[in-house]
C-alpha atoms as a PDB file:
ATOM      1  CA  MET A   1      20.716   1.655 -34.200  1.00  0.00           C
ATOM      2  CA  ARG A   2      22.914   4.982 -34.071  1.00  0.00           C
ATOM      3  CA  TYR A   3      19.976   6.643 -34.739  1.00  0.00           C
ATOM      4  CA  ARG A   4      17.931   5.384 -32.256  1.00  0.00           C
ATOM      5  CA  PHE A   5      20.738   6.235 -29.392  1.00  0.00           C
ATOM      6  CA  VAL A   6      20.572  10.027 -30.619  1.00  0.00           C
ATOM      7  CA  PHE A   7      16.857  10.032 -30.724  1.00  0.00           C
ATOM      8  CA  SER A   8      16.565   8.054 -26.905  1.00  0.00           C
ATOM      9  CA  LEU A   9      19.425  10.843 -25.717  1.00  0.00           C
ATOM     10  CA  THR A  10      17.431  13.721 -27.502  1.00  0.00           C
ATOM     11  CA  ALA A  11      14.041  12.776 -25.745  1.00  0.00           C
ATOM     12  CA  LEU A  12      15.839  12.312 -22.422  1.00  0.00           C
ATOM     13  CA  LEU A  13      17.232  16.185 -22.758  1.00  0.00           C
ATOM     14  CA  ALA A  14      14.066  17.167 -24.095  1.00  0.00           C
ATOM     15  CA  ALA A  15      12.214  15.903 -21.491  1.00  0.00           C
ATOM     16  CA  GLY A  16      14.159  17.232 -18.695  1.00  0.00           C
ATOM     17  CA  CYS A  17      14.419  20.753 -19.812  1.00  0.00           C
ATOM     18  CA  ASN A  18      10.435  21.016 -20.269  1.00  0.00           C
ATOM     19  CA  GLN A  19      10.347  21.297 -16.430  1.00  0.00           C
ATOM     20  CA  SER A  20       9.940  24.799 -15.295  1.00  0.00           C
ATOM     21  CA  PRO A  21      10.961  25.638 -11.824  1.00  0.00           C
ATOM     22  CA  ALA A  22       8.312  25.103  -9.053  1.00  0.00           C
ATOM     23  CA  ARG A  23       8.978  28.698  -7.423  1.00  0.00           C
ATOM     24  CA  PRO A  24      12.150  30.694  -7.925  1.00  0.00           C
ATOM     25  CA  GLN A  25      13.754  32.264  -4.991  1.00  0.00           C
ATOM     26  CA  GLU A  26      15.595  35.940  -5.054  1.00  0.00           C
ATOM     27  CA  ALA A  27      19.199  35.961  -4.127  1.00  0.00           C
ATOM     28  CA  GLY A  28      21.263  38.878  -4.608  1.00  0.00           C
ATOM     29  CA  GLY A  29      19.031  40.073  -7.656  1.00  0.00           C
ATOM     30  CA  VAL A  30      19.153  36.632  -9.436  1.00  0.00           C
ATOM     31  CA  GLU A  31      16.124  34.381  -9.277  1.00  0.00           C
ATOM     32  CA  LEU A  32      17.276  30.601  -8.727  1.00  0.00           C
ATOM     33  CA  PRO A  33      15.515  27.821  -9.791  1.00  0.00           C
ATOM     34  CA  THR A  34      14.143  24.985  -7.721  1.00  0.00           C
ATOM     35  CA  PRO A  35      15.029  21.370  -8.288  1.00  0.00           C
ATOM     36  CA  SER A  36      12.175  20.007 -10.910  1.00  0.00           C
ATOM     37  CA  ARG A  37       9.206  18.144  -9.800  1.00  0.00           C
ATOM     38  CA  SER A  38      11.126  14.849 -11.145  1.00  0.00           C
ATOM     39  CA  ALA A  39      13.770  15.208  -8.509  1.00  0.00           C
ATOM     40  CA  ALA A  40      13.652  12.078  -5.998  1.00  0.00           C
ATOM     41  CA  PRO A  41      11.862  13.522  -2.883  1.00  0.00           C
ATOM     42  CA  VAL A  42      13.908  14.735   0.263  1.00  0.00           C
ATOM     43  CA  ALA A  43      13.302  12.468   2.840  1.00  0.00           C
ATOM     44  CA  SER A  44      13.639  15.161   5.730  1.00  0.00           C
ATOM     45  CA  THR A  45      14.626  18.685   5.647  1.00  0.00           C
ATOM     46  CA  ALA A  46      15.885  18.501   9.453  1.00  0.00           C
ATOM     47  CA  PRO A  47      19.122  20.469  10.217  1.00  0.00           C
ATOM     48  CA  VAL A  48      22.472  19.098   9.136  1.00  0.00           C
ATOM     49  CA  PRO A  49      23.715  17.171  11.742  1.00  0.00           C
ATOM     50  CA  SER A  50      27.157  18.642  13.022  1.00  0.00           C
ATOM     51  CA  THR A  51      30.488  16.408  12.385  1.00  0.00           C
ATOM     52  CA  SER A  52      31.611  17.243  15.814  1.00  0.00           C
ATOM     53  CA  ALA A  53      29.780  16.260  19.104  1.00  0.00           C
ATOM     54  CA  SER A  54      31.472  19.556  20.867  1.00  0.00           C
ATOM     55  CA  SER A  55      30.362  21.889  18.059  1.00  0.00           C
ATOM     56  CA  PRO A  56      26.616  23.157  17.985  1.00  0.00           C
ATOM     57  CA  ALA A  57      24.469  23.134  14.850  1.00  0.00           C
ATOM     58  CA  PRO A  58      25.204  26.523  13.131  1.00  0.00           C
ATOM     59  CA  SER A  59      22.000  29.034  13.896  1.00  0.00           C
ATOM     60  CA  GLY A  60      22.302  30.783  10.548  1.00  0.00           C
ATOM     61  CA  PRO A  61      23.262  30.009   6.890  1.00  0.00           C
ATOM     62  CA  THR A  62      27.398  28.808   6.544  1.00  0.00           C
ATOM     63  CA  ALA A  63      29.016  29.565   3.464  1.00  0.00           C
ATOM     64  CA  TRP A  64      31.378  27.140   2.108  1.00  0.00           C
ATOM     65  CA  THR A  65      34.146  27.928  -0.711  1.00  0.00           C
ATOM     66  CA  GLY A  66      36.432  26.224  -2.938  1.00  0.00           C
ATOM     67  CA  THR A  67      37.460  25.004  -6.206  1.00  0.00           C
ATOM     68  CA  TYR A  68      36.852  22.612  -9.088  1.00  0.00           C
ATOM     69  CA  LYS A  69      38.719  21.025 -11.911  1.00  0.00           C
ATOM     70  CA  SER A  70      36.954  19.634 -14.763  1.00  0.00           C
ATOM     71  CA  ASN A  71      37.886  17.161 -17.388  1.00  0.00           C
ATOM     72  CA  THR A  72      36.463  15.472 -20.200  1.00  0.00           C
ATOM     73  CA  ALA A  73      33.938  12.802 -19.418  1.00  0.00           C
ATOM     74  CA  THR A  74      32.038   9.839 -21.416  1.00  0.00           C
ATOM     75  CA  LEU A  75      28.750   8.381 -21.863  1.00  0.00           C
ATOM     76  CA  TYR A  76      28.109   4.807 -20.250  1.00  0.00           C
ATOM     77  CA  VAL A  77      24.920   2.604 -20.649  1.00  0.00           C
ATOM     78  CA  PRO A  78      25.343  -0.082 -18.358  1.00  0.00           C
ATOM     79  CA  THR A  79      24.683  -3.615 -20.315  1.00  0.00           C
ATOM     80  CA  ASP A  80      22.579  -5.075 -17.669  1.00  0.00           C
ATOM     81  CA  ALA A  81      20.159  -2.125 -17.690  1.00  0.00           C
ATOM     82  CA  PRO A  82      16.850  -2.514 -19.366  1.00  0.00           C
ATOM     83  CA  ASN A  83      17.501  -2.878 -23.179  1.00  0.00           C
ATOM     84  CA  GLY A  84      21.259  -2.601 -22.254  1.00  0.00           C
ATOM     85  CA  GLY A  85      22.019  -5.054 -24.861  1.00  0.00           C
ATOM     86  CA  ASP A  86      20.960  -2.898 -27.329  1.00  0.00           C
ATOM     87  CA  TRP A  87      23.605  -0.516 -26.433  1.00  0.00           C
ATOM     88  CA  LYS A  88      26.682  -2.849 -26.947  1.00  0.00           C
ATOM     89  CA  GLY A  89      27.663  -1.820 -30.450  1.00  0.00           C
ATOM     90  CA  VAL A  90      26.989   2.195 -30.109  1.00  0.00           C
ATOM     91  CA  LYS A  91      30.091   4.271 -29.413  1.00  0.00           C
ATOM     92  CA  TRP A  92      29.267   7.771 -28.618  1.00  0.00           C
ATOM     93  CA  ARG A  93      31.881  10.170 -29.099  1.00  0.00           C
ATOM     94  CA  GLY A  94      31.335  14.097 -28.341  1.00  0.00           C
ATOM     95  CA  ASP A  95      32.809  17.032 -29.941  1.00  0.00           C
ATOM     96  CA  ASP A  96      36.353  17.395 -29.749  1.00  0.00           C
ATOM     97  CA  SER A  97      36.465  20.661 -27.742  1.00  0.00           C
ATOM     98  CA  ARG A  98      38.097  22.643 -25.235  1.00  0.00           C
ATOM     99  CA  LEU A  99      34.992  24.121 -23.780  1.00  0.00           C
ATOM    100  CA  GLY A 100      34.794  23.764 -20.259  1.00  0.00           C
ATOM    101  CA  LEU A 101      37.998  22.188 -19.302  1.00  0.00           C
ATOM    102  CA  GLY A 102      40.091  23.430 -16.346  1.00  0.00           C
ATOM    103  CA  GLU A 103      39.808  25.029 -12.938  1.00  0.00           C
ATOM    104  CA  GLY A 104      37.111  27.390 -11.624  1.00  0.00           C
ATOM    105  CA  ALA A 105      35.516  28.415  -8.521  1.00  0.00           C
ATOM    106  CA  MET A 106      32.706  27.259  -6.411  1.00  0.00           C
ATOM    107  CA  ALA A 107      30.944  28.692  -3.231  1.00  0.00           C
ATOM    108  CA  ILE A 108      27.584  27.638  -1.547  1.00  0.00           C
ATOM    109  CA  THR A 109      25.932  29.050   1.124  1.00  0.00           C
ATOM    110  CA  VAL A 110      23.838  26.324   3.417  1.00  0.00           C
ATOM    111  CA  GLU A 111      20.779  27.365   5.323  1.00  0.00           C
ATOM    112  CA  PRO A 112      19.973  25.692   9.048  1.00  0.00           C
ATOM    113  CA  GLY A 113      17.606  23.734   7.221  1.00  0.00           C
ATOM    114  CA  GLY A 114      20.070  21.919   4.875  1.00  0.00           C
ATOM    115  CA  ARG A 115      19.264  23.389   1.681  1.00  0.00           C
ATOM    116  CA  PHE A 116      21.833  25.492  -0.231  1.00  0.00           C
ATOM    117  CA  ASN A 117      22.264  27.900  -3.004  1.00  0.00           C
ATOM    118  CA  GLY A 118      25.765  28.928  -4.602  1.00  0.00           C
ATOM    119  CA  THR A 119      27.501  29.648  -7.893  1.00  0.00           C
ATOM    120  CA  LEU A 120      29.994  28.070 -10.231  1.00  0.00           C
ATOM    121  CA  ASP A 121      32.548  30.479 -12.310  1.00  0.00           C
ATOM    122  CA  GLY A 122      35.493  29.505 -14.532  1.00  0.00           C
ATOM    123  CA  PRO A 123      35.109  27.075 -17.558  1.00  0.00           C
ATOM    124  CA  LEU A 124      31.822  25.502 -16.830  1.00  0.00           C
ATOM    125  CA  GLY A 125      30.197  28.679 -15.415  1.00  0.00           C
ATOM    126  CA  PRO A 126      28.485  31.169 -14.995  1.00  0.00           C
ATOM    127  CA  ALA A 127      26.358  28.728 -13.333  1.00  0.00           C
ATOM    128  CA  LEU A 128      24.118  28.292 -10.264  1.00  0.00           C
ATOM    129  CA  VAL A 129      24.278  25.176  -8.195  1.00  0.00           C
ATOM    130  CA  PHE A 130      21.538  24.481  -5.554  1.00  0.00           C
ATOM    131  CA  GLY A 131      20.072  21.472  -3.688  1.00  0.00           C
ATOM    132  CA  VAL A 132      20.167  19.790  -0.020  1.00  0.00           C
ATOM    133  CA  LEU A 133      23.117  18.945   2.059  1.00  0.00           C
ATOM    134  CA  GLN A 134      22.052  16.490   5.055  1.00  0.00           C
ATOM    135  CA  ASP A 135      23.293  13.388   6.428  1.00  0.00           C
ATOM    136  CA  ASN A 136      26.706  14.294   5.467  1.00  0.00           C
ATOM    137  CA  GLU A 137      25.817  14.301   1.611  1.00  0.00           C
ATOM    138  CA  LEU A 138      25.392  16.948  -0.608  1.00  0.00           C
ATOM    139  CA  VAL A 139      23.228  16.772  -3.774  1.00  0.00           C
ATOM    140  CA  GLY A 140      22.239  19.100  -6.129  1.00  0.00           C
ATOM    141  CA  THR A 141      21.332  20.487  -9.491  1.00  0.00           C
ATOM    142  CA  VAL A 142      23.773  22.409 -11.784  1.00  0.00           C
ATOM    143  CA  ALA A 143      21.529  25.114 -13.714  1.00  0.00           C
ATOM    144  CA  ARG A 144      22.733  28.061 -16.086  1.00  0.00           C
ATOM    145  CA  LYS A 145      22.616  31.846 -14.878  1.00  0.00           C
ATOM    146  CA  THR A 146      21.594  33.093 -18.177  1.00  0.00           C
ATOM    147  CA  THR A 147      19.297  29.863 -19.589  1.00  0.00           C
ATOM    148  CA  SER A 148      19.560  31.005 -22.770  1.00  0.00           C
ATOM    149  CA  ASP A 149      23.205  30.386 -23.136  1.00  0.00           C
ATOM    150  CA  GLN A 150      23.231  26.856 -23.709  1.00  0.00           C
ATOM    151  CA  GLY A 151      26.055  25.983 -21.408  1.00  0.00           C
ATOM    152  CA  PHE A 152      26.828  23.465 -19.181  1.00  0.00           C
ATOM    153  CA  THR A 153      24.053  21.980 -16.509  1.00  0.00           C
ATOM    154  CA  GLY A 154      23.813  18.670 -14.705  1.00  0.00           C
ATOM    155  CA  THR A 155      24.364  17.545 -10.985  1.00  0.00           C
ATOM    156  CA  ALA A 156      26.319  17.774  -8.076  1.00  0.00           C
ATOM    157  CA  THR A 157      26.808  15.208  -5.360  1.00  0.00           C
ATOM    158  CA  GLY A 158      29.365  14.916  -2.645  1.00  0.00           C
ATOM    159  CA  LYS A 159      30.474  13.980   0.953  1.00  0.00           C
ATOM    160  CA  VAL A 160      30.977  16.052   4.048  1.00  0.00           C
ATOM    161  CA  SER A 161      33.862  15.332   6.411  1.00  0.00           C
ATOM    162  CA  ALA A 162      34.618  17.638   9.191  1.00  0.00           C
ATOM    163  CA  ASN A 163      34.806  21.210   7.450  1.00  0.00           C
ATOM    164  CA  THR A 164      35.046  19.863   3.980  1.00  0.00           C
ATOM    165  CA  VAL A 165      33.001  18.581   0.973  1.00  0.00           C
ATOM    166  CA  GLU A 166      34.533  16.527  -1.413  1.00  0.00           C
ATOM    167  CA  GLY A 167      32.665  16.006  -4.481  1.00  0.00           C
ATOM    168  CA  THR A 168      31.825  15.629  -8.124  1.00  0.00           C
ATOM    169  CA  LEU A 169      30.116  17.305 -11.004  1.00  0.00           C
ATOM    170  CA  GLN A 170      28.525  15.871 -13.946  1.00  0.00           C
ATOM    171  CA  VAL A 171      27.655  18.148 -16.751  1.00  0.00           C
ATOM    172  CA  ALA A 172      26.724  18.626 -20.207  1.00  0.00           C
ATOM    173  CA  VAL A 173      25.832  21.540 -22.677  1.00  0.00           C
ATOM    174  CA  ALA A 174      22.451  21.934 -23.994  1.00  0.00           C
ATOM    175  CA  ASN A 175      22.701  19.500 -26.934  1.00  0.00           C
ATOM    176  CA  ALA A 176      24.778  16.883 -25.379  1.00  0.00           C
ATOM    177  CA  SER A 177      27.576  17.353 -27.910  1.00  0.00           C
ATOM    178  CA  VAL A 178      30.168  18.335 -24.860  1.00  0.00           C
ATOM    179  CA  LEU A 179      30.356  16.299 -21.446  1.00  0.00           C
ATOM    180  CA  ARG A 180      32.420  17.003 -18.754  1.00  0.00           C
ATOM    181  CA  THR A 181      33.359  15.634 -15.233  1.00  0.00           C
ATOM    182  CA  ALA A 182      34.603  17.686 -12.124  1.00  0.00           C
ATOM    183  CA  THR A 183      35.757  17.044  -8.881  1.00  0.00           C
ATOM    184  CA  PHE A 184      35.485  19.938  -6.582  1.00  0.00           C
ATOM    185  CA  VAL A 185      36.669  20.375  -2.993  1.00  0.00           C
ATOM    186  CA  LEU A 186      34.709  23.066  -0.610  1.00  0.00           C
ATOM    187  CA  ARG A 187      35.754  24.313   2.935  1.00  0.00           C
ATOM    188  CA  ARG A 188      34.010  26.104   5.280  1.00  0.00           C
ATOM    189  CA  PRO A 189      35.921  28.642   8.001  1.00  0.00           C
END
């Protein structure tokens, strides 16, 4: 049973790693990957609606900066998922590591169409973060700045409220032996 879990997790990670970026974008001398073809399609790329009726939508890129704090994370497989009962007796425990724990900086730049690119520094970095901010929700990908370093990659999700984005990063190292979850808060000037 344990070997089937490890094989399934390895197959899942390998399937996600075989995707190559559709078209890199140039930003400050660093090639930024774009979301994989397997990512859910974006319903629209309409400008991000203003959260205040009195302030107009931004005409240019908008910078958001802030911090994140990362902690250990666990792997959860719902028992009501397909074949979920097969996972009942499986206990996953990653490496006992201090890697990726602590506070770091996060910054994104949101284009008028809602797409964003940014960076993570600190214990989870150096990493890139990119995705879409629309309808007061942020959805993105965390990718390595240097793909060969085997560092943390994963997802970013968040909610916009006035001039603040609060959200969560769910990340793991390349071999999934270390999982981390981080909360972040970003603000715009």
